[in-house]
Amino acid sequence: MSEFAPYQPSSPAGLPPGYPLPAPRRPRVLATLAWVAAFAVLLGCTLLTILVITSETGALGLVTGSVLAVVPVFPVVAVYLWLDRYEAEPPSLLVLAFLWGAGVATFAALVINTASVAAIQQAGGDASSGAVFVAPVVEETMKGLAIVLILLVRRREFDGVVDGIVYAGMAGIGFAFVENVLYLGRTLMESGTAGTVFVFVLRCVASPFAHPLFTAATGIGLGLAVRTRNPLLKLLYPVLGWAVAVLLHGAWNYSASSGLGGFLLAYIAFQVPVFLGFVALAVYARRREGRLIGRHLEVYCSTGWLSPSEVQMLASIPGRREARSWASRTGGGAARRAMRDFQEMASELAFLRERMIRGSAPQDARTTEYAMLASMSQLRAVFLPQWAANHPR
């Protein structure tokens, strides 16, 4: 039995008789142009990446590598979506981050890494040093730009550390997918089935979280930056996060170039503890979001917009899940969807409230706050029709 009491909504008192929503804002020209430019870059880089990989692996290697590389994608994506339960990020932005990692970041890495290795060899250096000193800088920079792009074009959807981890994870998953296609396809052409199986186990089974984990450090840095008003920390946090991502990536590549014995030792002694530490940090950040939501929504109880039972439900993942089940049992699919949207908007409202308190909210925060409260009242009327009957517009 759940430790949370079944959801029993009580009707908030003192609501105004009508809740007119403000007129929707017209889309910003710069944001629209940014989306068009991002789409053009994504499409162009993706096509070029496919051409480059095909030239190295052939059609058979491309198809085989794609089929094998997609295996770890779904469970890893599911983990990041689980982390993002309080305020699910817009699917369009998640897809953007994934495609940026798969298209732009991989193409840039293919070009720059290849040129760097050639330059190192011409200078008489060890070509393997490029994987340790050059590739981590290039790849973490390019993957991190996906998070920066989202932060620039959709600042309202970026609320802190959890969002940074999720967007970073999607960029890392996209990058790892295409990189795995290349390595698997190339190995199939050079070493046959046995070698391909070995690479699949090494990259897709033993280390599917490697790239998402590295880039998560950059996401954490950007997530901390959006939560502070200190100009120095706004710059320092992302730089430190990026540096940690590069160091983790470089250490991983170094262990991979040290032979199977060196890799296994580094994997057990270093990579596993780092992964467990990341999991602990991610879970802590998600729980902190729940506490934050509960704290910032309490103010709306005193003004009648929310009831105490609703705030308690909204601050708990099990409570939200039970509320959606309750809505489905009592009102069907429409009520469940309304409850889900009610919960999502409540999370956005809490994060907006936090930015208002910190002084980092946009100028129209008060208007947006009222629009969210009004929309939540309309959604409540769907899953709680008796409330609507007692509060006619």
Protein backbone atom coordinates (compact mmCIF):
# COMPACT_ATOMS: atom_id res chain seq x y z
CA MET A 1 0.00 0.00 0.00
CA SER A 2 1.25 3.46 -0.84
CA GLU A 3 2.37 5.61 2.07
CA PHE A 4 0.40 8.48 0.54
CA ALA A 5 -3.28 8.85 1.22
CA PRO A 6 -5.61 8.49 -1.79
CA TYR A 7 -6.11 11.74 -3.61
CA GLN A 8 -9.18 13.51 -2.27
CA PRO A 9 -9.33 17.01 -3.79
CA SER A 10 -11.07 19.72 -1.86
CA SER A 11 -12.56 22.75 -3.55
CA PRO A 12 -10.43 25.89 -3.12
CA ALA A 13 -12.35 28.83 -1.77
CA GLY A 14 -12.30 32.46 -2.71
CA LEU A 15 -11.65 32.10 -6.42
CA PRO A 16 -12.74 34.99 -8.62
CA PRO A 17 -15.86 34.42 -10.72
CA GLY A 18 -13.96 34.37 -14.04
CA TYR A 19 -10.48 33.57 -15.20
CA PRO A 20 -9.83 35.32 -18.54
CA LEU A 21 -6.52 34.26 -20.00
CA PRO A 22 -4.21 36.98 -21.33
CA ALA A 23 -3.93 37.14 -25.09
CA PRO A 24 -1.19 34.85 -26.35
CA ARG A 25 2.05 36.56 -27.22
CA ARG A 26 3.13 36.65 -30.83
CA PRO A 27 6.14 34.47 -31.57
CA ARG A 28 9.40 36.33 -31.45
CA VAL A 29 11.06 36.82 -34.81
CA LEU A 30 14.52 35.99 -33.49
CA ALA A 31 13.32 32.76 -31.89
CA THR A 32 11.62 31.71 -35.13
CA LEU A 33 14.76 32.45 -37.14
CA ALA A 34 16.82 30.50 -34.61
CA TRP A 35 14.58 27.45 -35.01
CA VAL A 36 14.78 27.65 -38.81
CA ALA A 37 18.55 27.97 -38.70
CA ALA A 38 18.85 25.09 -36.21
CA PHE A 39 16.70 22.85 -38.41
CA ALA A 40 18.79 23.66 -41.49
CA VAL A 41 22.02 22.94 -39.63
CA LEU A 42 20.63 19.69 -38.21
CA LEU A 43 19.44 18.46 -41.59
CA GLY A 44 22.65 19.35 -43.39
CA CYS A 45 24.95 17.85 -40.77
CA THR A 46 22.86 14.67 -40.50
CA LEU A 47 23.01 14.05 -44.25
CA LEU A 48 26.75 14.70 -44.33
CA THR A 49 27.30 12.38 -41.37
CA ILE A 50 25.40 9.58 -43.10
CA LEU A 51 27.53 10.05 -46.21
CA VAL A 52 30.78 9.96 -44.22
CA ILE A 53 29.77 6.84 -42.28
CA THR A 54 28.58 5.07 -45.41
CA SER A 55 31.88 5.81 -47.14
CA GLU A 56 33.70 4.00 -44.29
CA THR A 57 31.31 1.14 -43.56
CA GLY A 58 29.40 0.57 -46.78
CA ALA A 59 25.65 0.09 -46.92
CA LEU A 60 25.76 -3.24 -45.03
CA GLY A 61 27.85 -1.77 -42.24
CA LEU A 62 25.57 1.26 -41.99
CA VAL A 63 22.41 -0.85 -41.71
CA THR A 64 23.91 -3.43 -39.34
CA GLY A 65 25.50 -0.77 -37.17
CA SER A 66 22.24 1.18 -36.99
CA VAL A 67 20.23 -1.88 -35.93
CA LEU A 68 22.70 -2.77 -33.19
CA ALA A 69 23.34 0.80 -32.05
CA VAL A 70 19.66 1.52 -31.50
CA VAL A 71 19.35 -1.28 -28.90
CA PRO A 72 20.61 0.74 -25.90
CA VAL A 73 18.92 3.97 -26.99
CA PHE A 74 15.43 3.18 -25.70
CA PRO A 75 16.35 2.04 -22.15
CA VAL A 76 18.78 4.94 -21.68
CA VAL A 77 16.20 7.45 -22.92
CA ALA A 78 13.66 5.88 -20.54
CA VAL A 79 16.01 6.51 -17.60
CA TYR A 80 16.29 10.20 -18.43
CA LEU A 81 12.54 10.54 -18.93
CA TRP A 82 12.05 8.92 -15.52
CA LEU A 83 14.31 11.56 -14.03
CA ASP A 84 12.19 14.28 -15.65
CA ARG A 85 8.89 13.30 -14.04
CA TYR A 86 7.95 16.49 -12.17
CA GLU A 87 8.08 18.76 -15.21
CA ALA A 88 8.43 16.83 -18.45
CA GLU A 89 10.39 18.82 -20.99
CA PRO A 90 8.72 19.56 -24.35
CA PRO A 91 9.24 16.62 -26.75
CA SER A 92 10.38 19.06 -29.44
CA LEU A 93 13.31 20.20 -27.28
CA LEU A 94 14.24 16.64 -26.32
CA VAL A 95 14.26 15.69 -30.00
CA LEU A 96 16.30 18.81 -30.79
CA ALA A 97 18.94 17.84 -28.22
CA PHE A 98 19.06 14.24 -29.51
CA LEU A 99 19.35 15.30 -33.16
CA TRP A 100 21.99 17.90 -32.35
CA GLY A 101 24.09 15.22 -30.69
CA ALA A 102 23.44 12.76 -33.52
CA GLY A 103 23.94 15.20 -36.38
CA VAL A 104 25.83 18.40 -35.60
CA ALA A 105 28.09 17.13 -32.81
CA THR A 106 29.04 13.91 -34.58
CA PHE A 107 29.75 15.62 -37.91
CA ALA A 108 31.90 18.28 -36.24
CA ALA A 109 33.74 15.56 -34.32
CA LEU A 110 34.33 13.53 -37.48
CA VAL A 111 35.82 16.52 -39.28
CA ILE A 112 37.86 18.08 -36.46
CA ASN A 113 39.07 14.83 -34.90
CA THR A 114 40.16 13.46 -38.26
CA ALA A 115 42.01 16.66 -39.13
CA SER A 116 43.63 16.73 -35.68
CA VAL A 117 44.89 13.16 -35.95
CA ALA A 118 46.33 13.91 -39.39
CA ALA A 119 48.09 16.99 -38.02
CA ILE A 120 49.50 15.05 -35.06
CA GLN A 121 50.84 12.33 -37.36
CA GLN A 122 52.44 14.86 -39.69
CA ALA A 123 54.16 16.43 -36.69
CA GLY A 124 55.55 13.02 -35.73
CA GLY A 125 53.30 12.56 -32.71
CA ASP A 126 51.28 9.60 -31.50
CA ALA A 127 47.93 9.50 -33.28
CA SER A 128 46.29 7.84 -30.26
CA SER A 129 46.88 11.03 -28.24
CA GLY A 130 44.12 12.67 -30.27
CA ALA A 131 41.54 10.41 -28.62
CA VAL A 132 42.70 11.48 -25.17
CA PHE A 133 43.45 15.18 -25.60
CA VAL A 134 41.56 16.38 -28.67
CA ALA A 135 38.38 14.32 -29.01
CA PRO A 136 37.07 15.01 -25.48
CA VAL A 137 37.40 18.78 -25.97
CA VAL A 138 35.75 18.74 -29.39
CA GLU A 139 32.96 16.33 -28.55
CA GLU A 140 32.01 17.78 -25.17
CA THR A 141 32.01 21.28 -26.62
CA MET A 142 29.75 20.30 -29.50
CA LYS A 143 27.36 18.29 -27.33
CA GLY A 144 27.23 21.06 -24.75
CA LEU A 145 26.19 23.54 -27.42
CA ALA A 146 22.87 21.67 -27.69
CA ILE A 147 22.08 22.68 -24.10
CA VAL A 148 23.22 26.24 -24.70
CA LEU A 149 20.99 26.46 -27.78
CA ILE A 150 17.94 25.31 -25.85
CA LEU A 151 18.77 27.73 -23.04
CA LEU A 152 18.95 30.61 -25.51
CA VAL A 153 15.79 29.89 -27.52
CA ARG A 154 13.55 28.49 -24.74
CA ARG A 155 14.76 29.94 -21.45
CA ARG A 156 11.35 29.36 -19.87
CA GLU A 157 11.79 25.59 -20.27
CA PHE A 158 15.13 25.51 -18.45
CA ASP A 159 14.65 25.57 -14.69
CA GLY A 160 17.77 24.06 -13.16
CA VAL A 161 20.00 21.05 -12.66
CA VAL A 162 17.52 18.34 -13.60
CA ASP A 163 16.68 20.05 -16.89
CA GLY A 164 20.39 20.43 -17.62
CA ILE A 165 20.99 16.73 -16.96
CA VAL A 166 18.04 15.68 -19.15
CA TYR A 167 18.97 17.83 -22.15
CA ALA A 168 22.62 16.82 -21.80
CA GLY A 169 21.58 13.19 -21.65
CA MET A 170 19.59 13.45 -24.86
CA ALA A 171 22.50 15.10 -26.68
CA GLY A 172 24.85 12.43 -25.36
CA ILE A 173 22.51 9.60 -26.37
CA GLY A 174 22.24 10.98 -29.91
CA PHE A 175 26.02 11.30 -30.19
CA ALA A 176 26.64 7.81 -28.79
CA PHE A 177 24.10 6.29 -31.19
CA VAL A 178 25.81 7.63 -34.32
CA GLU A 179 29.29 6.93 -32.98
CA ASN A 180 28.24 3.35 -32.25
CA VAL A 181 26.91 3.02 -35.79
CA LEU A 182 30.32 4.04 -37.10
CA TYR A 183 32.33 1.75 -34.82
CA LEU A 184 30.05 -1.24 -35.27
CA GLY A 185 29.81 -0.85 -39.03
CA ARG A 186 33.55 -0.34 -39.41
CA THR A 187 34.33 -3.36 -37.23
CA LEU A 188 31.94 -5.52 -39.23
CA MET A 189 33.79 -4.65 -42.43
CA GLU A 190 37.26 -5.15 -40.88
CA SER A 191 36.84 -7.99 -38.35
CA GLY A 192 33.58 -9.69 -39.15
CA THR A 193 30.92 -10.93 -36.76
CA ALA A 194 33.16 -11.83 -33.80
CA GLY A 195 34.69 -8.37 -33.62
CA THR A 196 31.31 -6.72 -34.03
CA VAL A 197 29.89 -8.70 -31.10
CA PHE A 198 32.82 -7.63 -28.92
CA VAL A 199 32.35 -3.94 -29.81
CA PHE A 200 28.59 -4.23 -29.23
CA VAL A 201 29.12 -5.64 -25.73
CA LEU A 202 31.78 -3.06 -24.91
CA ARG A 203 29.93 0.01 -26.17
CA CYS A 204 26.22 -0.84 -26.09
CA VAL A 205 26.01 -3.15 -23.07
CA ALA A 206 28.86 -2.20 -20.73
CA SER A 207 28.92 1.57 -21.29
CA PRO A 208 25.66 2.91 -22.80
CA PHE A 209 25.65 5.82 -20.31
CA ALA A 210 29.19 7.01 -21.04
CA HIS A 211 28.49 9.92 -23.40
CA PRO A 212 25.29 11.05 -21.61
CA LEU A 213 27.17 10.94 -18.31
CA PHE A 214 30.10 13.04 -19.56
CA THR A 215 27.86 15.75 -21.00
CA ALA A 216 25.68 15.74 -17.87
CA ALA A 217 28.50 17.60 -16.12
CA THR A 218 28.06 20.48 -18.58
CA GLY A 219 24.28 20.30 -18.07
CA ILE A 220 24.72 20.51 -14.30
CA GLY A 221 26.96 23.55 -14.70
CA LEU A 222 24.40 25.33 -16.88
CA GLY A 223 21.60 24.28 -14.51
CA LEU A 224 23.44 25.86 -11.58
CA ALA A 225 24.13 28.98 -13.64
CA VAL A 226 20.46 29.70 -14.34
CA ARG A 227 19.69 29.50 -10.63
CA THR A 228 22.21 32.10 -9.45
CA ARG A 229 22.19 35.89 -9.72
CA ASN A 230 25.95 36.16 -9.25
CA PRO A 231 27.47 37.17 -12.63
CA LEU A 232 30.78 35.47 -11.85
CA LEU A 233 29.10 32.18 -10.94
CA LYS A 234 26.91 32.36 -14.04
CA LEU A 235 30.12 32.15 -16.06
CA LEU A 236 32.10 29.91 -13.72
CA TYR A 237 29.54 27.10 -13.28
CA PRO A 238 29.23 26.22 -17.01
CA VAL A 239 33.01 26.41 -17.52
CA LEU A 240 33.64 24.10 -14.56
CA GLY A 241 30.93 21.71 -15.72
CA TRP A 242 32.43 21.60 -19.21
CA ALA A 243 35.91 21.01 -17.77
CA VAL A 244 34.65 18.08 -15.69
CA ALA A 245 32.95 16.64 -18.79
CA VAL A 246 36.20 16.88 -20.76
CA LEU A 247 38.24 15.29 -17.94
CA LEU A 248 35.79 12.40 -17.54
CA HIS A 249 35.74 11.85 -21.29
CA GLY A 250 39.52 12.00 -21.55
CA ALA A 251 39.97 9.51 -18.70
CA TRP A 252 37.50 7.16 -20.38
CA ASN A 253 39.31 7.33 -23.72
CA TYR A 254 42.67 6.82 -22.02
CA SER A 255 41.43 3.68 -20.28
CA ALA A 256 40.02 2.38 -23.57
CA SER A 257 43.43 2.80 -25.20
CA SER A 258 45.22 0.96 -22.39
CA GLY A 259 44.21 -2.51 -23.49
CA LEU A 260 41.47 -4.75 -22.13
CA GLY A 261 43.12 -5.16 -18.73
CA GLY A 262 43.62 -1.44 -18.25
CA PHE A 263 40.09 -0.72 -19.39
CA LEU A 264 38.54 -3.23 -16.97
CA LEU A 265 40.59 -1.85 -14.08
CA ALA A 266 39.62 1.74 -14.86
CA TYR A 267 36.01 0.70 -15.43
CA ILE A 268 35.71 -0.88 -11.96
CA ALA A 269 37.87 1.56 -10.01
CA PHE A 270 36.82 4.80 -11.66
CA GLN A 271 33.88 4.65 -14.05
CA VAL A 272 31.52 2.66 -11.82
CA PRO A 273 31.96 4.98 -8.79
CA VAL A 274 31.51 8.03 -11.04
CA PHE A 275 28.33 6.53 -12.49
CA LEU A 276 26.93 5.70 -9.04
CA GLY A 277 27.76 9.22 -7.87
CA PHE A 278 25.93 10.65 -10.86
CA VAL A 279 22.88 8.49 -10.12
CA ALA A 280 22.86 9.67 -6.49
CA LEU A 281 23.13 13.31 -7.58
CA ALA A 282 20.35 12.91 -10.14
CA VAL A 283 17.99 11.28 -7.64
CA TYR A 284 18.79 13.97 -5.06
CA ALA A 285 18.09 16.70 -7.63
CA ARG A 286 14.74 15.15 -8.50
CA ARG A 287 13.71 14.89 -4.85
CA ARG A 288 14.79 18.47 -4.33
CA GLU A 289 12.45 19.50 -7.13
CA GLY A 290 9.57 17.86 -5.27
CA ARG A 291 10.36 19.79 -2.10
CA LEU A 292 10.73 23.01 -4.08
CA ILE A 293 7.35 22.50 -5.75
CA GLY A 294 5.65 21.92 -2.43
CA ARG A 295 7.27 24.96 -0.83
CA HIS A 296 6.47 27.41 -3.62
CA LEU A 297 2.90 26.23 -4.18
CA GLU A 298 1.91 26.62 -0.54
CA VAL A 299 1.40 30.36 -1.02
CA TYR A 300 -1.54 29.65 -3.34
CA CYS A 301 -3.39 27.84 -0.56
CA SER A 302 -3.76 31.07 1.41
CA THR A 303 -5.16 32.84 -1.67
CA GLY A 304 -7.56 30.02 -2.56
CA TRP A 305 -6.07 28.98 -5.87
CA LEU A 306 -4.95 25.58 -4.56
CA SER A 307 -6.02 23.38 -1.68
CA PRO A 308 -3.58 21.83 0.82
CA SER A 309 -4.37 18.34 -0.46
CA GLU A 310 -3.52 19.42 -3.99
CA VAL A 311 -0.18 20.86 -2.92
CA GLN A 312 0.63 17.65 -1.06
CA MET A 313 -0.22 15.62 -4.15
CA LEU A 314 1.76 17.88 -6.52
CA ALA A 315 4.91 17.61 -4.41
CA SER A 316 5.03 13.81 -4.63
CA ILE A 317 5.62 11.50 -7.60
CA PRO A 318 3.58 8.67 -6.02
CA GLY A 319 0.90 11.22 -5.14
CA ARG A 320 0.75 12.46 -8.73
CA ARG A 321 0.55 8.93 -10.07
CA GLU A 322 -2.28 8.06 -7.69
CA ALA A 323 -4.11 11.29 -8.61
CA ARG A 324 -3.97 10.42 -12.32
CA SER A 325 -5.35 6.96 -11.54
CA TRP A 326 -8.11 8.53 -9.46
CA ALA A 327 -9.00 10.91 -12.29
CA SER A 328 -9.08 8.05 -14.79
CA ARG A 329 -11.37 5.98 -12.59
CA THR A 330 -13.78 8.82 -11.93
CA GLY A 331 -13.75 10.73 -15.21
CA GLY A 332 -12.10 8.60 -17.88
CA GLY A 333 -9.37 9.56 -20.31
CA ALA A 334 -10.29 13.25 -20.56
CA ALA A 335 -10.08 13.65 -16.78
CA ARG A 336 -6.73 11.84 -16.67
CA ARG A 337 -5.29 14.12 -19.36
CA ALA A 338 -6.59 17.17 -17.52
CA MET A 339 -4.99 15.96 -14.29
CA ARG A 340 -1.69 15.33 -16.08
CA ASP A 341 -1.73 18.84 -17.60
CA PHE A 342 -2.74 20.28 -14.20
CA GLN A 343 0.31 18.65 -12.62
CA GLU A 344 2.66 19.78 -15.38
CA MET A 345 1.46 23.37 -15.16
CA ALA A 346 1.76 23.33 -11.38
CA SER A 347 5.43 22.39 -11.71
CA GLU A 348 6.03 25.20 -14.18
CA LEU A 349 4.22 27.58 -11.84
CA ALA A 350 6.41 26.55 -8.90
CA PHE A 351 9.61 27.08 -10.90
CA LEU A 352 8.33 30.45 -12.12
CA ARG A 353 7.56 31.39 -8.53
CA GLU A 354 11.09 30.47 -7.52
CA ARG A 355 12.56 32.69 -10.26
CA MET A 356 10.29 35.51 -9.14
CA ILE A 357 11.61 35.19 -5.59
CA ARG A 358 15.22 35.08 -6.80
CA GLY A 359 14.63 38.10 -9.01
CA SER A 360 15.51 36.29 -12.24
CA ALA A 361 11.98 36.00 -13.68
CA PRO A 362 11.01 37.78 -16.92
CA GLN A 363 9.15 41.07 -16.77
CA ASP A 364 5.82 39.46 -17.64
CA ALA A 365 6.09 36.92 -14.81
CA ARG A 366 3.00 38.21 -13.01
CA THR A 367 0.89 37.91 -16.15
CA THR A 368 2.24 34.42 -16.80
CA GLU A 369 1.58 33.44 -13.19
CA TYR A 370 -2.06 34.52 -13.45
CA ALA A 371 -2.47 32.73 -16.78
CA MET A 372 -1.15 29.50 -15.27
CA LEU A 373 -3.45 29.75 -12.26
CA ALA A 374 -6.42 30.43 -14.53
CA SER A 375 -5.56 27.49 -16.76
CA MET A 376 -5.19 25.21 -13.75
CA SER A 377 -8.66 26.22 -12.61
CA GLN A 378 -10.07 25.32 -16.01
CA LEU A 379 -8.27 21.98 -15.96
CA ARG A 380 -9.58 21.28 -12.46
CA ALA A 381 -13.10 21.76 -13.77
CA VAL A 382 -12.54 18.80 -16.12
CA PHE A 383 -11.40 16.24 -13.55
CA LEU A 384 -13.48 17.75 -10.73
CA PRO A 385 -16.81 18.79 -12.33
CA GLN A 386 -18.52 19.29 -8.96
CA TRP A 387 -16.01 22.06 -8.29
CA ALA A 388 -16.96 23.73 -11.59
CA ALA A 389 -20.63 23.55 -10.68
CA ASN A 390 -19.94 25.41 -7.44
CA HIS A 391 -17.75 28.02 -9.15
CA PRO A 392 -19.51 29.15 -12.32
CA ARG A 393 -17.69 31.55 -14.59
